[in-house]
């Protein structure tokens, strides 16, 4: 069986999902099919889990904090509605939250 990963914690189960989620930055991984080895592989590679950064690790710049992501998503909705002033204010709020999160 094959899974696809970007080696940064994102996994996909089909080629179509891999193209959508990972783009060209992906590799194919052969996964065991027997239950015991499959479970060990999934657990060892933390497939399907979200791992919070440890206190001594710095967050990856490409990842938005959940709060910042919420503000950015809301801003996108406002842009789609044509309310650019409101969207700009929401983006500023989201970026402020992200900067604070990055600083720890």
Protein backbone atom coordinates (compact mmCIF):
# COMPACT_ATOMS: atom_id res chain seq x y z
CA UNK A 1 0.00 0.00 0.00
CA UNK A 2 1.19 3.55 -0.70
CA UNK A 3 0.85 6.79 1.22
CA UNK A 4 2.14 10.19 0.20
CA UNK A 5 3.91 12.71 2.43
CA UNK A 6 5.69 16.05 2.31
CA UNK A 7 8.01 15.01 5.20
CA UNK A 8 6.57 17.82 7.35
CA UNK A 9 3.73 15.84 8.88
CA UNK A 10 1.14 16.01 6.12
CA UNK A 11 -0.01 12.69 4.67
CA UNK A 12 -2.41 11.70 1.90
CA UNK A 13 -3.89 8.32 1.02
CA UNK A 14 -4.50 8.79 -2.70
CA UNK A 15 -2.58 10.38 -5.55
CA UNK A 16 -5.45 12.82 -6.11
CA UNK A 17 -5.40 13.93 -2.46
CA UNK A 18 -1.60 14.14 -2.57
CA UNK A 19 -1.74 16.48 -5.58
CA UNK A 20 -4.29 18.71 -3.81
CA UNK A 21 -2.68 18.73 -0.37
CA UNK A 22 1.00 18.39 -1.14
CA UNK A 23 1.49 19.70 -4.67
CA UNK A 24 4.83 18.68 -6.16
CA UNK A 25 6.52 18.62 -2.76
CA UNK A 26 5.71 14.99 -2.00
CA UNK A 27 7.15 11.53 -1.92
CA UNK A 28 5.60 8.09 -2.07
CA UNK A 29 6.01 5.80 0.93
CA UNK A 30 5.41 2.05 0.82
CA UNK A 31 3.37 1.08 3.86
CA UNK A 32 3.01 -2.45 5.26
CA UNK A 33 -0.42 -4.01 4.82
CA UNK A 34 -0.56 -6.47 7.71
CA UNK A 35 -2.34 -4.97 10.70
CA UNK A 36 0.46 -5.16 13.27
CA UNK A 37 3.11 -3.60 11.03
CA UNK A 38 0.66 -1.05 9.58
CA UNK A 39 -0.33 0.13 13.07
CA UNK A 40 3.33 0.35 14.08
CA UNK A 41 4.15 2.36 10.94
CA UNK A 42 1.22 4.76 11.44
CA UNK A 43 2.10 5.30 15.10
CA UNK A 44 5.84 5.67 14.50
CA UNK A 45 5.25 8.23 11.76
CA UNK A 46 2.37 9.93 13.57
CA UNK A 47 0.13 9.58 10.53
CA UNK A 48 -3.26 11.10 11.20
CA UNK A 49 -2.24 12.94 14.36
CA UNK A 50 -1.45 16.52 15.11
CA UNK A 51 1.64 17.02 17.19
CA UNK A 52 1.86 20.24 19.18
CA UNK A 53 5.30 21.83 19.20
CA UNK A 54 7.32 21.20 22.33
CA UNK A 55 8.32 24.19 24.47
CA UNK A 56 11.90 23.97 23.19
CA UNK A 57 10.98 23.88 19.50
CA UNK A 58 10.15 26.81 17.30
CA UNK A 59 6.99 26.71 15.19
CA UNK A 60 7.32 26.27 11.46
CA UNK A 61 6.77 29.67 9.81
CA UNK A 62 4.41 28.20 7.19
CA UNK A 63 1.94 27.08 9.86
CA UNK A 64 -0.61 29.53 11.19
CA UNK A 65 -1.75 29.36 14.78
CA UNK A 66 -5.40 28.26 15.04
CA UNK A 67 -6.44 31.78 16.11
CA UNK A 68 -4.56 33.49 13.26
CA UNK A 69 -5.96 30.96 10.79
CA UNK A 70 -9.48 31.81 11.94
CA UNK A 71 -8.94 35.54 11.34
CA UNK A 72 -7.38 34.91 7.92
CA UNK A 73 -10.26 32.63 6.88
CA UNK A 74 -12.77 35.25 8.01
CA UNK A 75 -10.86 37.92 6.07
CA UNK A 76 -11.02 35.76 2.94
CA UNK A 77 -14.80 35.57 3.31
CA UNK A 78 -14.94 39.36 3.59
CA UNK A 79 -12.80 39.77 0.44
CA UNK A 80 -15.19 37.47 -1.44
CA UNK A 81 -18.08 39.70 -0.29
CA UNK A 82 -16.21 42.80 -1.47
CA UNK A 83 -15.70 44.25 2.02
CA UNK A 84 -11.98 44.97 1.63
CA UNK A 85 -11.69 47.40 4.54
CA UNK A 86 -13.08 44.83 6.97
CA UNK A 87 -10.89 42.12 5.41
CA UNK A 88 -7.78 44.27 5.85
CA UNK A 89 -8.58 44.84 9.52
CA UNK A 90 -9.06 41.09 10.04
CA UNK A 91 -5.79 40.27 8.29
CA UNK A 92 -3.96 42.75 10.51
CA UNK A 93 -5.51 41.09 13.58
CA UNK A 94 -4.55 37.61 12.31
CA UNK A 95 -0.97 38.69 11.53
CA UNK A 96 -0.64 40.30 14.96
CA UNK A 97 -1.76 37.07 16.61
CA UNK A 98 0.63 35.05 14.42
CA UNK A 99 3.60 37.27 15.31
CA UNK A 100 2.85 36.90 19.01
CA UNK A 101 2.53 33.14 18.60
CA UNK A 102 5.84 32.97 16.74
CA UNK A 103 7.60 34.87 19.53
CA UNK A 104 6.23 32.39 22.08
